[in-house]
């Protein structure tokens, strides 16, 4: 994690050796990152290593939907760069994966290492609960999430219809 209080650092800047040494390791990687209410931008850096003989796809999920701007960059070992921008203040259609949270699919070729940079900036509370999923595990999680939402809204709809029928029958 690298704090950018002036919100001025670019991807090229954070890759330079003088800034690369300022990244701090997360003390508890299983807990969400919380920075409180801040005007600073934060850069997150993650190294992905696929040592298997087959390519893999992983999903980086950030489950705090109120983040204003997220800039996502994947830098492969051969210096090829993939970038995308999203956030609460940008159109939903601009998201790299259509989901109610921020999800970034990352393709990792066989026997390669990639570096993922994410720049997060918001005017509200800065919480970054990030999870890295295999594509298969994410699909199972997403399906279960949609089923639970469908059950919830189905019950709400059934209760509303029941109350509507009571109103028509009793006029109360």
N, C-alpha and C. Protein backbone atom coordinates (compact mmCIF):
# COMPACT_ATOMS: atom_id res chain seq x y z
N UNK A 1 0.86 -1.18 0.00
CA UNK A 1 0.00 0.00 0.00
C UNK A 1 0.89 1.23 0.00
N UNK A 2 0.54 2.20 -0.85
CA UNK A 2 1.28 3.46 -0.93
C UNK A 2 0.29 4.60 -0.86
N UNK A 3 0.46 5.51 0.10
CA UNK A 3 -0.42 6.67 0.21
C UNK A 3 0.09 7.79 -0.68
N UNK A 4 -0.83 8.43 -1.40
CA UNK A 4 -0.53 9.55 -2.27
C UNK A 4 -1.35 10.76 -1.80
N UNK A 5 -0.85 11.51 -0.79
CA UNK A 5 -1.64 12.59 -0.21
C UNK A 5 -1.99 13.71 -1.20
N UNK A 6 -1.14 13.96 -2.19
CA UNK A 6 -1.40 15.02 -3.16
C UNK A 6 -2.21 14.53 -4.36
N UNK A 7 -2.49 13.24 -4.43
CA UNK A 7 -3.25 12.64 -5.53
C UNK A 7 -2.58 12.93 -6.88
N UNK A 8 -1.27 12.92 -6.90
CA UNK A 8 -0.55 13.33 -8.10
C UNK A 8 0.25 12.21 -8.76
N UNK A 9 0.42 11.09 -8.09
CA UNK A 9 1.26 10.03 -8.64
C UNK A 9 0.54 9.29 -9.77
N UNK A 10 1.29 8.98 -10.80
CA UNK A 10 0.77 8.21 -11.92
C UNK A 10 1.33 6.79 -11.83
N UNK A 11 0.86 5.93 -12.73
CA UNK A 11 1.38 4.56 -12.74
C UNK A 11 2.88 4.56 -13.01
N UNK A 12 3.33 5.38 -13.92
CA UNK A 12 4.77 5.46 -14.21
C UNK A 12 5.55 5.91 -12.98
N UNK A 13 4.97 6.82 -12.20
CA UNK A 13 5.64 7.29 -10.98
C UNK A 13 5.80 6.17 -9.96
N UNK A 14 4.72 5.43 -9.68
CA UNK A 14 4.80 4.41 -8.63
C UNK A 14 5.66 3.22 -9.04
N UNK A 15 5.97 3.09 -10.31
CA UNK A 15 6.87 2.03 -10.76
C UNK A 15 8.33 2.40 -10.62
N UNK A 16 8.62 3.68 -10.45
CA UNK A 16 10.01 4.12 -10.29
C UNK A 16 10.56 3.61 -8.96
N UNK A 17 11.86 3.33 -8.90
CA UNK A 17 12.45 2.76 -7.68
C UNK A 17 12.24 3.61 -6.42
N UNK A 18 12.25 4.93 -6.55
CA UNK A 18 12.10 5.77 -5.36
C UNK A 18 10.70 5.66 -4.75
N UNK A 19 9.70 5.38 -5.57
CA UNK A 19 8.35 5.19 -5.04
C UNK A 19 8.08 3.72 -4.73
N UNK A 20 8.68 2.83 -5.48
CA UNK A 20 8.46 1.40 -5.25
C UNK A 20 8.90 1.00 -3.83
N UNK A 21 9.90 1.65 -3.30
CA UNK A 21 10.36 1.32 -1.95
C UNK A 21 9.44 1.89 -0.87
N UNK A 22 8.54 2.81 -1.24
CA UNK A 22 7.61 3.40 -0.26
C UNK A 22 6.37 2.53 -0.03
N UNK A 23 6.16 1.51 -0.85
CA UNK A 23 5.03 0.60 -0.64
C UNK A 23 5.24 -0.14 0.67
N UNK A 24 4.20 -0.19 1.48
CA UNK A 24 4.24 -0.89 2.77
C UNK A 24 3.43 -2.18 2.66
N UNK A 25 3.96 -3.26 3.20
CA UNK A 25 3.24 -4.53 3.22
C UNK A 25 2.08 -4.44 4.20
N UNK A 26 1.00 -5.13 3.90
CA UNK A 26 -0.17 -5.16 4.76
C UNK A 26 0.12 -6.10 5.92
N UNK A 27 -0.12 -5.61 7.15
CA UNK A 27 0.20 -6.40 8.34
C UNK A 27 -0.70 -7.63 8.45
N UNK A 28 -1.99 -7.47 8.19
CA UNK A 28 -2.93 -8.57 8.28
C UNK A 28 -3.64 -8.72 6.93
N UNK A 29 -3.12 -9.55 6.05
CA UNK A 29 -3.68 -9.64 4.70
C UNK A 29 -5.11 -10.19 4.64
N UNK A 30 -5.58 -10.84 5.70
CA UNK A 30 -6.93 -11.39 5.70
C UNK A 30 -7.98 -10.36 6.08
N UNK A 31 -7.58 -9.20 6.52
CA UNK A 31 -8.53 -8.16 6.93
C UNK A 31 -8.65 -7.11 5.84
N UNK A 32 -9.80 -6.42 5.83
CA UNK A 32 -9.99 -5.37 4.83
C UNK A 32 -9.10 -4.18 5.15
N UNK A 33 -8.73 -3.47 4.11
CA UNK A 33 -7.94 -2.27 4.29
C UNK A 33 -8.89 -1.12 4.60
N UNK A 34 -8.66 -0.42 5.68
CA UNK A 34 -9.48 0.72 6.06
C UNK A 34 -8.59 1.91 6.34
N UNK A 35 -8.86 3.03 5.67
CA UNK A 35 -8.04 4.22 5.83
C UNK A 35 -8.81 5.39 6.41
N UNK A 36 -10.08 5.16 6.78
CA UNK A 36 -10.90 6.23 7.35
C UNK A 36 -11.31 7.24 6.29
N UNK A 37 -11.75 8.40 6.74
CA UNK A 37 -12.11 9.48 5.82
C UNK A 37 -10.83 10.20 5.45
N UNK A 38 -10.50 10.21 4.18
CA UNK A 38 -9.24 10.79 3.74
C UNK A 38 -9.39 11.38 2.34
N UNK A 39 -8.61 12.38 2.07
CA UNK A 39 -8.56 12.97 0.72
C UNK A 39 -7.43 12.35 -0.09
N UNK A 40 -6.61 11.52 0.53
CA UNK A 40 -5.48 10.89 -0.16
C UNK A 40 -5.97 9.83 -1.14
N UNK A 41 -5.17 9.61 -2.15
CA UNK A 41 -5.36 8.45 -3.01
C UNK A 41 -4.43 7.36 -2.49
N UNK A 42 -4.81 6.12 -2.71
CA UNK A 42 -3.98 5.00 -2.27
C UNK A 42 -3.70 4.10 -3.45
N UNK A 43 -2.45 3.67 -3.55
CA UNK A 43 -2.04 2.70 -4.55
C UNK A 43 -1.86 1.35 -3.87
N UNK A 44 -2.43 0.32 -4.46
CA UNK A 44 -2.28 -1.05 -3.98
C UNK A 44 -1.50 -1.82 -5.02
N UNK A 45 -0.56 -2.62 -4.57
CA UNK A 45 0.29 -3.39 -5.48
C UNK A 45 0.22 -4.86 -5.10
N UNK A 46 0.00 -5.70 -6.10
CA UNK A 46 -0.15 -7.13 -5.87
C UNK A 46 0.64 -7.87 -6.94
N UNK A 47 1.46 -8.84 -6.50
CA UNK A 47 2.20 -9.69 -7.44
C UNK A 47 1.46 -11.01 -7.58
N UNK A 48 1.16 -11.40 -8.81
CA UNK A 48 0.50 -12.68 -9.10
C UNK A 48 1.48 -13.58 -9.83
N UNK A 49 1.65 -14.79 -9.32
CA UNK A 49 2.56 -15.75 -9.94
C UNK A 49 1.77 -16.99 -10.33
N UNK A 50 1.75 -17.30 -11.60
CA UNK A 50 1.12 -18.53 -12.08
C UNK A 50 2.23 -19.50 -12.45
N UNK A 51 2.54 -20.41 -11.55
CA UNK A 51 3.62 -21.37 -11.81
C UNK A 51 3.10 -22.64 -12.47
N UNK A 52 1.81 -22.71 -12.72
CA UNK A 52 1.24 -23.91 -13.34
C UNK A 52 1.49 -23.90 -14.85
N UNK A 53 1.40 -25.06 -15.50
CA UNK A 53 1.62 -25.12 -16.95
C UNK A 53 0.43 -24.63 -17.77
N UNK A 54 -0.67 -24.28 -17.12
CA UNK A 54 -1.87 -23.83 -17.84
C UNK A 54 -2.20 -22.38 -17.46
N UNK A 55 -2.76 -21.62 -18.39
CA UNK A 55 -3.19 -20.26 -18.02
C UNK A 55 -4.35 -20.31 -17.05
N UNK A 56 -4.47 -19.29 -16.23
CA UNK A 56 -5.55 -19.21 -15.24
C UNK A 56 -6.20 -17.84 -15.32
N UNK A 57 -7.44 -17.81 -14.87
CA UNK A 57 -8.12 -16.53 -14.73
C UNK A 57 -8.52 -16.38 -13.27
N UNK A 58 -8.17 -15.24 -12.70
CA UNK A 58 -8.56 -14.93 -11.34
C UNK A 58 -9.39 -13.65 -11.35
N UNK A 59 -10.15 -13.46 -10.28
CA UNK A 59 -11.03 -12.31 -10.18
C UNK A 59 -10.65 -11.54 -8.91
N UNK A 60 -10.34 -10.27 -9.07
CA UNK A 60 -10.10 -9.41 -7.92
C UNK A 60 -11.40 -8.67 -7.63
N UNK A 61 -11.95 -8.90 -6.44
CA UNK A 61 -13.23 -8.29 -6.07
C UNK A 61 -13.01 -7.30 -4.94
N UNK A 62 -13.55 -6.09 -5.11
CA UNK A 62 -13.52 -5.08 -4.06
C UNK A 62 -14.98 -4.83 -3.68
N UNK A 63 -15.33 -5.20 -2.46
CA UNK A 63 -16.74 -5.26 -2.06
C UNK A 63 -17.21 -4.01 -1.31
N UNK A 64 -16.70 -2.86 -1.66
CA UNK A 64 -17.17 -1.60 -1.10
C UNK A 64 -17.62 -0.72 -2.26
N UNK A 65 -18.94 -0.64 -2.52
CA UNK A 65 -19.43 0.00 -3.74
C UNK A 65 -19.38 1.53 -3.74
N UNK A 66 -18.94 2.16 -2.65
CA UNK A 66 -18.96 3.62 -2.58
C UNK A 66 -17.62 4.25 -2.89
N UNK A 67 -16.72 3.53 -3.51
CA UNK A 67 -15.42 4.09 -3.88
C UNK A 67 -15.59 4.93 -5.15
N UNK A 68 -15.14 6.15 -5.10
CA UNK A 68 -15.37 7.09 -6.21
C UNK A 68 -14.64 6.73 -7.48
N UNK A 69 -13.35 6.47 -7.40
CA UNK A 69 -12.54 6.16 -8.58
C UNK A 69 -11.61 4.99 -8.28
N UNK A 70 -11.57 4.05 -9.20
CA UNK A 70 -10.63 2.94 -9.14
C UNK A 70 -9.94 2.84 -10.50
N UNK A 71 -8.64 2.94 -10.48
CA UNK A 71 -7.84 2.74 -11.69
C UNK A 71 -7.13 1.41 -11.52
N UNK A 72 -7.31 0.53 -12.48
CA UNK A 72 -6.83 -0.83 -12.37
C UNK A 72 -5.84 -1.09 -13.51
N UNK A 73 -4.63 -1.55 -13.17
CA UNK A 73 -3.58 -1.79 -14.17
C UNK A 73 -2.95 -3.15 -13.93
N UNK A 74 -2.84 -3.95 -14.99
CA UNK A 74 -2.14 -5.23 -14.92
C UNK A 74 -0.93 -5.13 -15.83
N UNK A 75 0.23 -5.32 -15.24
CA UNK A 75 1.49 -5.23 -15.96
C UNK A 75 2.08 -6.63 -16.04
N UNK A 76 2.19 -7.17 -17.25
CA UNK A 76 2.72 -8.52 -17.42
C UNK A 76 4.25 -8.48 -17.40
N UNK A 77 4.86 -9.66 -17.36
CA UNK A 77 6.31 -9.76 -17.30
C UNK A 77 6.97 -9.17 -18.54
N UNK A 78 6.27 -9.22 -19.68
CA UNK A 78 6.83 -8.65 -20.91
C UNK A 78 6.48 -7.16 -21.07
N UNK A 79 6.03 -6.53 -19.97
CA UNK A 79 5.74 -5.10 -19.89
C UNK A 79 4.49 -4.68 -20.67
N UNK A 80 3.62 -5.65 -21.00
CA UNK A 80 2.34 -5.32 -21.63
C UNK A 80 1.39 -4.82 -20.55
N UNK A 81 0.69 -3.72 -20.83
CA UNK A 81 -0.16 -3.09 -19.83
C UNK A 81 -1.62 -3.16 -20.24
N UNK A 82 -2.47 -3.60 -19.31
CA UNK A 82 -3.93 -3.56 -19.47
C UNK A 82 -4.45 -2.64 -18.39
N UNK A 83 -5.30 -1.69 -18.75
CA UNK A 83 -5.82 -0.74 -17.78
C UNK A 83 -7.32 -0.58 -17.93
N UNK A 84 -7.97 -0.25 -16.83
CA UNK A 84 -9.39 0.10 -16.86
C UNK A 84 -9.67 1.05 -15.71
N UNK A 85 -10.71 1.86 -15.89
CA UNK A 85 -11.12 2.80 -14.86
C UNK A 85 -12.59 2.55 -14.55
N UNK A 86 -12.91 2.61 -13.28
CA UNK A 86 -14.29 2.45 -12.84
C UNK A 86 -14.45 3.19 -11.53
N UNK A 87 -15.60 3.05 -10.93
CA UNK A 87 -15.88 3.69 -9.65
C UNK A 87 -17.33 4.12 -9.58
N UNK A 88 -17.74 4.53 -8.41
CA UNK A 88 -19.12 4.96 -8.19
C UNK A 88 -19.47 6.18 -9.03
N UNK A 89 -18.50 7.04 -9.30
CA UNK A 89 -18.77 8.27 -10.02
C UNK A 89 -18.70 8.12 -11.53
N UNK A 90 -18.41 6.91 -12.00
CA UNK A 90 -18.33 6.65 -13.44
C UNK A 90 -19.49 5.74 -13.85
N UNK A 91 -19.86 5.73 -15.13
CA UNK A 91 -20.99 4.90 -15.58
C UNK A 91 -20.75 3.41 -15.31
N UNK A 92 -21.84 2.71 -14.98
CA UNK A 92 -21.76 1.28 -14.69
C UNK A 92 -21.22 0.52 -15.90
N UNK A 93 -21.58 0.96 -17.10
CA UNK A 93 -21.14 0.27 -18.33
C UNK A 93 -19.63 0.29 -18.50
N UNK A 94 -18.96 1.14 -17.76
CA UNK A 94 -17.50 1.23 -17.87
C UNK A 94 -16.78 0.16 -17.04
N UNK A 95 -17.53 -0.59 -16.24
CA UNK A 95 -16.89 -1.62 -15.40
C UNK A 95 -16.39 -2.77 -16.27
N UNK A 96 -15.23 -3.32 -15.92
CA UNK A 96 -14.71 -4.44 -16.72
C UNK A 96 -15.50 -5.73 -16.56
N UNK A 97 -16.28 -5.84 -15.49
CA UNK A 97 -17.12 -7.01 -15.26
C UNK A 97 -18.43 -6.52 -14.66
N UNK A 98 -19.58 -6.87 -15.25
CA UNK A 98 -20.85 -6.35 -14.74
C UNK A 98 -21.27 -7.02 -13.42
N UNK A 99 -21.04 -6.32 -12.34
CA UNK A 99 -21.32 -6.85 -11.00
C UNK A 99 -21.64 -5.67 -10.09
N UNK A 100 -22.40 -5.91 -9.01
CA UNK A 100 -22.76 -4.81 -8.12
C UNK A 100 -21.58 -4.32 -7.28
N UNK A 101 -20.54 -5.12 -7.16
CA UNK A 101 -19.29 -4.67 -6.57
C UNK A 101 -18.29 -4.46 -7.70
N UNK A 102 -17.08 -4.04 -7.37
CA UNK A 102 -16.05 -3.85 -8.38
C UNK A 102 -15.28 -5.15 -8.55
N UNK A 103 -15.34 -5.71 -9.74
CA UNK A 103 -14.69 -6.98 -10.03
C UNK A 103 -13.79 -6.79 -11.25
N UNK A 104 -12.55 -7.24 -11.12
CA UNK A 104 -11.57 -7.11 -12.20
C UNK A 104 -11.07 -8.50 -12.58
N UNK A 105 -11.42 -8.98 -13.79
CA UNK A 105 -10.88 -10.27 -14.24
C UNK A 105 -9.41 -10.10 -14.66
N UNK A 106 -8.59 -11.05 -14.25
CA UNK A 106 -7.16 -11.02 -14.58
C UNK A 106 -6.78 -12.35 -15.19
N UNK A 107 -6.31 -12.33 -16.41
CA UNK A 107 -5.84 -13.54 -17.07
C UNK A 107 -4.34 -13.66 -16.82
N UNK A 108 -3.93 -14.79 -16.24
CA UNK A 108 -2.52 -15.02 -15.95
C UNK A 108 -2.02 -16.14 -16.84
N UNK A 109 -1.18 -15.83 -17.83
CA UNK A 109 -0.63 -16.88 -18.68
C UNK A 109 0.21 -17.87 -17.87
N UNK A 110 0.42 -19.03 -18.43
CA UNK A 110 1.18 -20.08 -17.76
C UNK A 110 2.62 -19.63 -17.50
N UNK A 111 3.11 -20.00 -16.33
CA UNK A 111 4.51 -19.78 -15.96
C UNK A 111 4.94 -18.31 -16.06
N UNK A 112 4.10 -17.40 -15.59
CA UNK A 112 4.42 -15.98 -15.64
C UNK A 112 4.12 -15.32 -14.30
N UNK A 113 4.68 -14.14 -14.16
CA UNK A 113 4.41 -13.29 -13.01
C UNK A 113 3.86 -11.97 -13.53
N UNK A 114 2.82 -11.48 -12.86
CA UNK A 114 2.23 -10.20 -13.24
C UNK A 114 2.15 -9.32 -12.00
N UNK A 115 2.19 -8.02 -12.23
CA UNK A 115 2.02 -7.06 -11.16
C UNK A 115 0.74 -6.30 -11.41
N UNK A 116 -0.09 -6.22 -10.37
CA UNK A 116 -1.37 -5.53 -10.45
C UNK A 116 -1.28 -4.28 -9.59
N UNK A 117 -1.58 -3.13 -10.20
CA UNK A 117 -1.64 -1.87 -9.48
C UNK A 117 -3.08 -1.38 -9.49
N UNK A 118 -3.56 -0.97 -8.33
CA UNK A 118 -4.90 -0.40 -8.23
C UNK A 118 -4.79 0.92 -7.48
N UNK A 119 -5.29 1.96 -8.12
CA UNK A 119 -5.33 3.28 -7.47
C UNK A 119 -6.76 3.53 -7.02
N UNK A 120 -6.93 3.86 -5.74
CA UNK A 120 -8.26 4.06 -5.16
C UNK A 120 -8.32 5.48 -4.61
N UNK A 121 -9.40 6.19 -4.98
CA UNK A 121 -9.61 7.54 -4.47
C UNK A 121 -11.11 7.76 -4.29
N UNK A 122 -11.49 8.37 -3.17
CA UNK A 122 -12.89 8.65 -2.92
C UNK A 122 -13.00 9.82 -1.96
N UNK A 123 -14.16 10.43 -1.92
CA UNK A 123 -14.39 11.53 -1.00
C UNK A 123 -15.07 11.07 0.28
N UNK A 124 -15.36 9.78 0.38
CA UNK A 124 -16.02 9.23 1.56
C UNK A 124 -15.04 8.35 2.32
N UNK A 125 -15.57 7.50 3.15
CA UNK A 125 -14.72 6.57 3.90
C UNK A 125 -13.98 5.65 2.94
N UNK A 126 -12.70 5.47 3.17
CA UNK A 126 -11.87 4.65 2.29
C UNK A 126 -11.71 3.27 2.91
N UNK A 127 -12.60 2.36 2.52
CA UNK A 127 -12.49 0.95 2.87
C UNK A 127 -12.25 0.18 1.59
N UNK A 128 -11.29 -0.73 1.62
CA UNK A 128 -10.98 -1.51 0.44
C UNK A 128 -10.95 -2.99 0.82
N UNK A 129 -12.14 -3.61 0.96
CA UNK A 129 -12.18 -5.04 1.26
C UNK A 129 -11.98 -5.83 -0.03
N UNK A 130 -10.75 -6.24 -0.27
CA UNK A 130 -10.40 -6.91 -1.52
C UNK A 130 -10.24 -8.41 -1.31
N UNK A 131 -10.71 -9.18 -2.29
CA UNK A 131 -10.56 -10.64 -2.28
C UNK A 131 -10.12 -11.08 -3.66
N UNK A 132 -9.26 -12.06 -3.68
CA UNK A 132 -8.80 -12.66 -4.93
C UNK A 132 -9.40 -14.05 -5.04
N UNK A 133 -10.14 -14.30 -6.11
CA UNK A 133 -10.85 -15.56 -6.32
C UNK A 133 -10.31 -16.25 -7.57
N UNK A 134 -10.37 -17.58 -7.57
CA UNK A 134 -10.22 -18.29 -8.83
C UNK A 134 -11.52 -18.07 -9.60
N UNK A 135 -11.49 -18.18 -10.90
CA UNK A 135 -12.70 -17.92 -11.69
C UNK A 135 -13.83 -18.88 -11.30
N UNK A 136 -13.49 -20.15 -11.08
CA UNK A 136 -14.50 -21.15 -10.74
C UNK A 136 -15.14 -20.84 -9.39
N UNK A 137 -14.33 -20.50 -8.40
CA UNK A 137 -14.86 -20.19 -7.07
C UNK A 137 -15.71 -18.92 -7.11
N UNK A 138 -15.31 -17.94 -7.91
CA UNK A 138 -16.09 -16.70 -8.00
C UNK A 138 -17.44 -16.97 -8.66
N UNK A 139 -17.48 -17.81 -9.68
CA UNK A 139 -18.75 -18.13 -10.34
C UNK A 139 -19.72 -18.80 -9.36
N UNK A 140 -19.22 -19.70 -8.53
CA UNK A 140 -20.07 -20.36 -7.53
C UNK A 140 -20.56 -19.35 -6.50
N UNK A 141 -19.67 -18.49 -6.02
CA UNK A 141 -20.04 -17.45 -5.06
C UNK A 141 -21.09 -16.51 -5.66
N UNK A 142 -20.87 -16.09 -6.90
CA UNK A 142 -21.79 -15.14 -7.55
C UNK A 142 -23.18 -15.76 -7.74
N UNK A 143 -23.22 -17.02 -8.13
CA UNK A 143 -24.49 -17.70 -8.32
C UNK A 143 -25.25 -17.78 -6.99
N UNK A 144 -24.57 -18.14 -5.93
CA UNK A 144 -25.20 -18.20 -4.61
C UNK A 144 -25.68 -16.84 -4.13
N UNK A 145 -24.91 -15.80 -4.42
CA UNK A 145 -25.29 -14.44 -4.05
C UNK A 145 -26.57 -14.03 -4.78
N UNK A 146 -26.65 -14.33 -6.07
CA UNK A 146 -27.85 -13.97 -6.83
C UNK A 146 -29.07 -14.78 -6.39
N UNK A 147 -28.88 -16.04 -6.01
CA UNK A 147 -30.00 -16.85 -5.52
C UNK A 147 -30.51 -16.27 -4.21
N UNK A 148 -29.63 -15.89 -3.29
CA UNK A 148 -30.08 -15.32 -2.02
C UNK A 148 -30.79 -13.98 -2.24
N UNK A 149 -30.32 -13.17 -3.17
CA UNK A 149 -31.01 -11.92 -3.48
C UNK A 149 -32.38 -12.18 -4.09
N UNK A 150 -32.47 -13.17 -4.97
CA UNK A 150 -33.76 -13.50 -5.59
C UNK A 150 -34.74 -13.99 -4.53
N UNK A 151 -34.29 -14.80 -3.59
CA UNK A 151 -35.17 -15.24 -2.50
C UNK A 151 -35.65 -14.07 -1.65
N UNK A 152 -34.74 -13.19 -1.32
CA UNK A 152 -35.10 -12.03 -0.51
C UNK A 152 -36.16 -11.17 -1.22
N UNK A 153 -35.89 -10.80 -2.46
CA UNK A 153 -36.84 -9.94 -3.18
C UNK A 153 -38.13 -10.69 -3.52
N UNK A 154 -38.07 -12.00 -3.67
CA UNK A 154 -39.28 -12.79 -3.87
C UNK A 154 -40.17 -12.74 -2.64
N UNK A 155 -39.56 -12.84 -1.45
CA UNK A 155 -40.35 -12.75 -0.21
C UNK A 155 -40.95 -11.36 -0.05
N UNK A 156 -40.19 -10.33 -0.37
CA UNK A 156 -40.70 -8.96 -0.28
C UNK A 156 -41.88 -8.78 -1.23
N UNK A 157 -41.76 -9.29 -2.44
CA UNK A 157 -42.84 -9.19 -3.42
C UNK A 157 -44.08 -9.97 -2.95
N UNK A 158 -43.89 -11.15 -2.39
CA UNK A 158 -45.02 -11.95 -1.89
C UNK A 158 -45.74 -11.21 -0.76
N UNK A 159 -44.96 -10.60 0.15
CA UNK A 159 -45.58 -9.85 1.24
C UNK A 159 -46.35 -8.64 0.71
N UNK A 160 -45.80 -7.96 -0.28
CA UNK A 160 -46.49 -6.80 -0.85
C UNK A 160 -47.78 -7.22 -1.53
N UNK A 161 -47.74 -8.32 -2.29
CA UNK A 161 -48.96 -8.81 -2.95
C UNK A 161 -50.00 -9.25 -1.93
N UNK A 162 -49.58 -9.91 -0.87
CA UNK A 162 -50.51 -10.33 0.18
C UNK A 162 -51.20 -9.12 0.80
N UNK A 163 -50.41 -8.09 1.12
CA UNK A 163 -50.99 -6.88 1.71
C UNK A 163 -51.90 -6.16 0.72
N UNK A 164 -51.58 -6.18 -0.55
CA UNK A 164 -52.44 -5.59 -1.57
C UNK A 164 -53.78 -6.33 -1.65
N UNK A 165 -53.73 -7.65 -1.59
CA UNK A 165 -54.97 -8.43 -1.60
C UNK A 165 -55.80 -8.17 -0.34
N UNK A 166 -55.14 -8.04 0.81
CA UNK A 166 -55.86 -7.69 2.04
C UNK A 166 -56.53 -6.32 1.91
N UNK A 167 -55.85 -5.39 1.29
CA UNK A 167 -56.42 -4.07 1.11
C UNK A 167 -57.68 -4.14 0.24
N UNK A 168 -57.61 -4.87 -0.87
CA UNK A 168 -58.77 -4.98 -1.75
C UNK A 168 -59.93 -5.71 -1.07
N UNK A 169 -59.61 -6.70 -0.25
CA UNK A 169 -60.66 -7.49 0.40
C UNK A 169 -61.29 -6.74 1.59
N UNK A 170 -60.47 -6.06 2.37
CA UNK A 170 -60.96 -5.43 3.59
C UNK A 170 -61.10 -3.90 3.49
N UNK A 171 -60.54 -3.32 2.44
CA UNK A 171 -60.51 -1.85 2.28
C UNK A 171 -59.89 -1.16 3.49
N UNK A 172 -58.88 -1.80 4.05
CA UNK A 172 -58.20 -1.25 5.21
C UNK A 172 -56.71 -1.34 5.00
